[in-house]
């Protein structure tokens, strides 16, 4: 079975308010909110928190 590829992108909502959109093939898009800057969102996407989130969603071991 092929692995599901989840893509992430940071989106600015307002000054000091960012969210990450997680796109799943053939599924509804999910939002991860609570980021204060693009750097904060980028740190999440490039760090251990992304892997932990993917595990909690059943997409990583």
PDB file of N, CA and C in Angstrom:
ATOM      1  N   UNK A   1       0.839  -1.175   0.000  1.00  0.00           N
ATOM      2  CA  UNK A   1       0.000   0.000   0.000  1.00  0.00           C
ATOM      3  C   UNK A   1       0.889   1.245   0.000  1.00  0.00           C
ATOM      4  N   UNK A   2       0.564   2.200  -0.834  1.00  0.00           N
ATOM      5  CA  UNK A   2       1.349   3.431  -0.940  1.00  0.00           C
ATOM      6  C   UNK A   2       1.095   4.332   0.268  1.00  0.00           C
ATOM      7  N   UNK A   3       2.127   5.071   0.640  1.00  0.00           N
ATOM      8  CA  UNK A   3       1.989   6.015   1.741  1.00  0.00           C
ATOM      9  C   UNK A   3       1.166   7.212   1.290  1.00  0.00           C
ATOM     10  N   UNK A   4       0.353   7.739   2.188  1.00  0.00           N
ATOM     11  CA  UNK A   4      -0.420   8.933   1.906  1.00  0.00           C
ATOM     12  C   UNK A   4       0.470  10.146   2.105  1.00  0.00           C
ATOM     13  N   UNK A   5       0.525  11.021   1.129  1.00  0.00           N
ATOM     14  CA  UNK A   5       1.349  12.225   1.193  1.00  0.00           C
ATOM     15  C   UNK A   5       0.493  13.377   1.708  1.00  0.00           C
ATOM     16  N   UNK A   6       0.837  13.881   2.876  1.00  0.00           N
ATOM     17  CA  UNK A   6       0.165  15.035   3.458  1.00  0.00           C
ATOM     18  C   UNK A   6       1.046  16.249   3.204  1.00  0.00           C
ATOM     19  N   UNK A   7       0.471  17.299   2.626  1.00  0.00           N
ATOM     20  CA  UNK A   7       1.233  18.523   2.380  1.00  0.00           C
ATOM     21  C   UNK A   7       0.765  19.605   3.349  1.00  0.00           C
ATOM     22  N   UNK A   8       1.699  20.449   3.742  1.00  0.00           N
ATOM     23  CA  UNK A   8       1.425  21.504   4.714  1.00  0.00           C
ATOM     24  C   UNK A   8       1.791  22.856   4.115  1.00  0.00           C
ATOM     25  N   UNK A   9       0.997  23.883   4.458  1.00  0.00           N
ATOM     26  CA  UNK A   9       1.354  25.250   4.074  1.00  0.00           C
ATOM     27  C   UNK A   9       0.864  26.217   5.140  1.00  0.00           C
ATOM     28  N   UNK A  10       1.683  27.223   5.384  1.00  0.00           N
ATOM     29  CA  UNK A  10       1.358  28.237   6.383  1.00  0.00           C
ATOM     30  C   UNK A  10       0.533  29.344   5.727  1.00  0.00           C
ATOM     31  N   UNK A  11      -0.486  29.819   6.454  1.00  0.00           N
ATOM     32  CA  UNK A  11      -1.371  30.861   5.950  1.00  0.00           C
ATOM     33  C   UNK A  11      -1.518  31.933   7.027  1.00  0.00           C
ATOM     34  N   UNK A  12      -1.343  33.199   6.621  1.00  0.00           N
ATOM     35  CA  UNK A  12      -1.501  34.321   7.547  1.00  0.00           C
ATOM     36  C   UNK A  12      -2.980  34.677   7.636  1.00  0.00           C
ATOM     37  N   UNK A  13      -3.490  34.768   8.860  1.00  0.00           N
ATOM     38  CA  UNK A  13      -4.879  35.140   9.089  1.00  0.00           C
ATOM     39  C   UNK A  13      -4.964  36.640   9.371  1.00  0.00           C
ATOM     40  N   UNK A  14      -4.103  37.112  10.257  1.00  0.00           N
ATOM     41  CA  UNK A  14      -4.046  38.524  10.662  1.00  0.00           C
ATOM     42  C   UNK A  14      -2.666  38.778  11.245  1.00  0.00           C
ATOM     43  N   UNK A  15      -2.410  40.017  11.649  1.00  0.00           N
ATOM     44  CA  UNK A  15      -1.139  40.329  12.300  1.00  0.00           C
ATOM     45  C   UNK A  15      -0.970  39.439  13.526  1.00  0.00           C
ATOM     46  N   UNK A  16       0.114  38.698  13.568  1.00  0.00           N
ATOM     47  CA  UNK A  16       0.403  37.844  14.711  1.00  0.00           C
ATOM     48  C   UNK A  16      -0.458  36.603  14.816  1.00  0.00           C
ATOM     49  N   UNK A  17      -1.129  36.233  13.726  1.00  0.00           N
ATOM     50  CA  UNK A  17      -1.998  35.049  13.761  1.00  0.00           C
ATOM     51  C   UNK A  17      -1.829  34.252  12.464  1.00  0.00           C
ATOM     52  N   UNK A  18      -1.314  33.044  12.609  1.00  0.00           N
ATOM     53  CA  UNK A  18      -1.059  32.159  11.481  1.00  0.00           C
ATOM     54  C   UNK A  18      -1.676  30.797  11.746  1.00  0.00           C
ATOM     55  N   UNK A  19      -1.937  30.052  10.680  1.00  0.00           N
ATOM     56  CA  UNK A  19      -2.389  28.672  10.803  1.00  0.00           C
ATOM     57  C   UNK A  19      -1.710  27.854   9.723  1.00  0.00           C
ATOM     58  N   UNK A  20      -1.721  26.558   9.901  1.00  0.00           N
ATOM     59  CA  UNK A  20      -1.178  25.632   8.913  1.00  0.00           C
ATOM     60  C   UNK A  20      -2.344  24.835   8.348  1.00  0.00           C
ATOM     61  N   UNK A  21      -2.376  24.726   7.028  1.00  0.00           N
ATOM     62  CA  UNK A  21      -3.375  23.908   6.360  1.00  0.00           C
ATOM     63  C   UNK A  21      -2.718  22.600   5.954  1.00  0.00           C
ATOM     64  N   UNK A  22      -3.330  21.505   6.352  1.00  0.00           N
ATOM     65  CA  UNK A  22      -2.837  20.170   6.011  1.00  0.00           C
ATOM     66  C   UNK A  22      -3.761  19.592   4.945  1.00  0.00           C
ATOM     67  N   UNK A  23      -3.196  19.305   3.782  1.00  0.00           N
ATOM     68  CA  UNK A  23      -3.966  18.764   2.661  1.00  0.00           C
ATOM     69  C   UNK A  23      -3.731  17.265   2.542  1.00  0.00           C
ATOM     70  N   UNK A  24      -4.823  16.515   2.604  1.00  0.00           N
ATOM     71  CA  UNK A  24      -4.797  15.059   2.461  1.00  0.00           C
ATOM     72  C   UNK A  24      -5.424  14.712   1.120  1.00  0.00           C
ATOM     73  N   UNK A  25      -4.828  13.815   0.349  1.00  0.00           N
ATOM     74  CA  UNK A  25      -5.494  13.376  -0.880  1.00  0.00           C
ATOM     75  C   UNK A  25      -6.820  12.691  -0.543  1.00  0.00           C
ATOM     76  N   UNK A  26      -7.860  13.065  -1.241  1.00  0.00           N
ATOM     77  CA  UNK A  26      -9.198  12.457  -1.087  1.00  0.00           C
ATOM     78  C   UNK A  26      -9.809  12.638   0.301  1.00  0.00           C
ATOM     79  N   UNK A  27      -9.370  13.650   1.064  1.00  0.00           N
ATOM     80  CA  UNK A  27      -9.937  13.924   2.374  1.00  0.00           C
ATOM     81  C   UNK A  27     -10.116  15.425   2.539  1.00  0.00           C
ATOM     82  N   UNK A  28     -10.858  15.787   3.553  1.00  0.00           N
ATOM     83  CA  UNK A  28     -11.062  17.189   3.865  1.00  0.00           C
ATOM     84  C   UNK A  28      -9.784  17.809   4.416  1.00  0.00           C
ATOM     85  N   UNK A  29      -9.559  19.057   4.074  1.00  0.00           N
ATOM     86  CA  UNK A  29      -8.392  19.789   4.568  1.00  0.00           C
ATOM     87  C   UNK A  29      -8.528  20.019   6.077  1.00  0.00           C
ATOM     88  N   UNK A  30      -7.411  19.942   6.787  1.00  0.00           N
ATOM     89  CA  UNK A  30      -7.421  20.174   8.239  1.00  0.00           C
ATOM     90  C   UNK A  30      -6.597  21.408   8.564  1.00  0.00           C
ATOM     91  N   UNK A  31      -6.968  22.092   9.634  1.00  0.00           N
ATOM     92  CA  UNK A  31      -6.273  23.302  10.066  1.00  0.00           C
ATOM     93  C   UNK A  31      -5.600  23.075  11.408  1.00  0.00           C
ATOM     94  N   UNK A  32      -4.375  23.562  11.525  1.00  0.00           N
ATOM     95  CA  UNK A  32      -3.654  23.567  12.794  1.00  0.00           C
ATOM     96  C   UNK A  32      -3.422  25.045  13.108  1.00  0.00           C
ATOM     97  N   UNK A  33      -3.990  25.522  14.187  1.00  0.00           N
ATOM     98  CA  UNK A  33      -3.925  26.953  14.474  1.00  0.00           C
ATOM     99  C   UNK A  33      -3.111  27.225  15.733  1.00  0.00           C
ATOM    100  N   UNK A  34      -2.940  28.514  16.019  1.00  0.00           N
ATOM    101  CA  UNK A  34      -2.257  28.910  17.241  1.00  0.00           C
ATOM    102  C   UNK A  34      -0.832  29.377  17.034  1.00  0.00           C
ATOM    103  N   UNK A  35      -0.469  29.750  15.811  1.00  0.00           N
ATOM    104  CA  UNK A  35       0.888  30.210  15.537  1.00  0.00           C
ATOM    105  C   UNK A  35       0.917  31.729  15.509  1.00  0.00           C
ATOM    106  N   UNK A  36       2.004  32.293  16.016  1.00  0.00           N
ATOM    107  CA  UNK A  36       2.096  33.752  16.130  1.00  0.00           C
ATOM    108  C   UNK A  36       2.889  34.391  15.002  1.00  0.00           C
ATOM    109  N   UNK A  37       3.608  33.580  14.214  1.00  0.00           N
ATOM    110  CA  UNK A  37       4.403  34.121  13.112  1.00  0.00           C
ATOM    111  C   UNK A  37       4.650  33.025  12.082  1.00  0.00           C
ATOM    112  N   UNK A  38       5.103  33.447  10.915  1.00  0.00           N
ATOM    113  CA  UNK A  38       5.459  32.471   9.886  1.00  0.00           C
ATOM    114  C   UNK A  38       6.619  31.610  10.364  1.00  0.00           C
ATOM    115  N   UNK A  39       7.565  32.220  11.072  1.00  0.00           N
ATOM    116  CA  UNK A  39       8.700  31.459  11.600  1.00  0.00           C
ATOM    117  C   UNK A  39       8.228  30.377  12.570  1.00  0.00           C
ATOM    118  N   UNK A  40       7.242  30.699  13.399  1.00  0.00           N
ATOM    119  CA  UNK A  40       6.676  29.728  14.339  1.00  0.00           C
ATOM    120  C   UNK A  40       6.034  28.566  13.572  1.00  0.00           C
ATOM    121  N   UNK A  41       5.262  28.891  12.529  1.00  0.00           N
ATOM    122  CA  UNK A  41       4.629  27.851  11.712  1.00  0.00           C
ATOM    123  C   UNK A  41       5.679  27.023  10.974  1.00  0.00           C
ATOM    124  N   UNK A  42       6.716  27.692  10.445  1.00  0.00           N
ATOM    125  CA  UNK A  42       7.791  26.970   9.754  1.00  0.00           C
ATOM    126  C   UNK A  42       8.525  26.028  10.707  1.00  0.00           C
ATOM    127  N   UNK A  43       8.765  26.484  11.944  1.00  0.00           N
ATOM    128  CA  UNK A  43       9.401  25.616  12.941  1.00  0.00           C
ATOM    129  C   UNK A  43       8.559  24.369  13.184  1.00  0.00           C
ATOM    130  N   UNK A  44       7.245  24.543  13.247  1.00  0.00           N
ATOM    131  CA  UNK A  44       6.346  23.409  13.454  1.00  0.00           C
ATOM    132  C   UNK A  44       6.450  22.442  12.277  1.00  0.00           C
ATOM    133  N   UNK A  45       6.415  22.982  11.055  1.00  0.00           N
ATOM    134  CA  UNK A  45       6.436  22.132   9.859  1.00  0.00           C
ATOM    135  C   UNK A  45       7.777  21.420   9.677  1.00  0.00           C
ATOM    136  N   UNK A  46       8.862  21.995  10.184  1.00  0.00           N
ATOM    137  CA  UNK A  46      10.190  21.412  10.003  1.00  0.00           C
ATOM    138  C   UNK A  46      10.704  20.673  11.231  1.00  0.00           C
ATOM    139  N   UNK A  47       9.860  20.517  12.233  1.00  0.00           N
ATOM    140  CA  UNK A  47      10.337  19.916  13.473  1.00  0.00           C
ATOM    141  C   UNK A  47       9.567  18.686  13.909  1.00  0.00           C
ATOM    142  N   UNK A  48       9.805  18.322  15.151  1.00  0.00           N
ATOM    143  CA  UNK A  48       9.206  17.125  15.731  1.00  0.00           C
ATOM    144  C   UNK A  48       7.701  17.242  15.957  1.00  0.00           C
ATOM    145  N   UNK A  49       7.218  18.471  16.096  1.00  0.00           N
ATOM    146  CA  UNK A  49       5.777  18.635  16.347  1.00  0.00           C
ATOM    147  C   UNK A  49       4.944  18.155  15.165  1.00  0.00           C
ATOM    148  N   UNK A  50       5.443  18.321  13.952  1.00  0.00           N
ATOM    149  CA  UNK A  50       4.721  17.830  12.764  1.00  0.00           C
ATOM    150  C   UNK A  50       4.625  16.314  12.808  1.00  0.00           C
ATOM    151  N   UNK A  51       5.728  15.640  13.128  1.00  0.00           N
ATOM    152  CA  UNK A  51       5.730  14.176  13.197  1.00  0.00           C
ATOM    153  C   UNK A  51       4.768  13.695  14.283  1.00  0.00           C
ATOM    154  N   UNK A  52       4.783  14.362  15.432  1.00  0.00           N
ATOM    155  CA  UNK A  52       3.865  13.991  16.513  1.00  0.00           C
ATOM    156  C   UNK A  52       2.417  14.171  16.072  1.00  0.00           C
ATOM    157  N   UNK A  53       2.134  15.237  15.348  1.00  0.00           N
ATOM    158  CA  UNK A  53       0.770  15.481  14.867  1.00  0.00           C
ATOM    159  C   UNK A  53       0.375  14.407  13.853  1.00  0.00           C
ATOM    160  N   UNK A  54       1.280  14.085  12.925  1.00  0.00           N
ATOM    161  CA  UNK A  54       0.987  13.038  11.946  1.00  0.00           C
ATOM    162  C   UNK A  54       0.729  11.699  12.635  1.00  0.00           C
ATOM    163  N   UNK A  55       1.498  11.390  13.674  1.00  0.00           N
ATOM    164  CA  UNK A  55       1.262  10.152  14.442  1.00  0.00           C
ATOM    165  C   UNK A  55      -0.125  10.171  15.077  1.00  0.00           C
ATOM    166  N   UNK A  56      -0.506  11.311  15.630  1.00  0.00           N
ATOM    167  CA  UNK A  56      -1.813  11.405  16.297  1.00  0.00           C
ATOM    168  C   UNK A  56      -2.965  11.248  15.300  1.00  0.00           C
ATOM    169  N   UNK A  57      -2.694  11.528  14.022  1.00  0.00           N
ATOM    170  CA  UNK A  57      -3.705  11.384  12.972  1.00  0.00           C
ATOM    171  C   UNK A  57      -3.652  10.021  12.286  1.00  0.00           C
ATOM    172  N   UNK A  58      -2.656   9.210  12.662  1.00  0.00           N
ATOM    173  CA  UNK A  58      -2.518   7.877  12.085  1.00  0.00           C
ATOM    174  C   UNK A  58      -1.749   7.848  10.774  1.00  0.00           C
ATOM    175  N   UNK A  59      -0.986   8.899  10.475  1.00  0.00           N
ATOM    176  CA  UNK A  59      -0.244   8.954   9.222  1.00  0.00           C
ATOM    177  C   UNK A  59       1.243   8.750   9.369  1.00  0.00           C
ATOM    178  N   UNK A  60       1.734   8.470  10.553  1.00  0.00           N
ATOM    179  CA  UNK A  60       3.161   8.198  10.768  1.00  0.00           C
ATOM    180  C   UNK A  60       3.298   7.194  11.898  1.00  0.00           C
ATOM    181  N   UNK A  61       4.422   6.507  11.889  1.00  0.00           N
ATOM    182  CA  UNK A  61       4.687   5.511  12.952  1.00  0.00           C
ATOM    183  C   UNK A  61       5.554   6.115  14.008  1.00  0.00           C
TER     184      UNK A  61
END
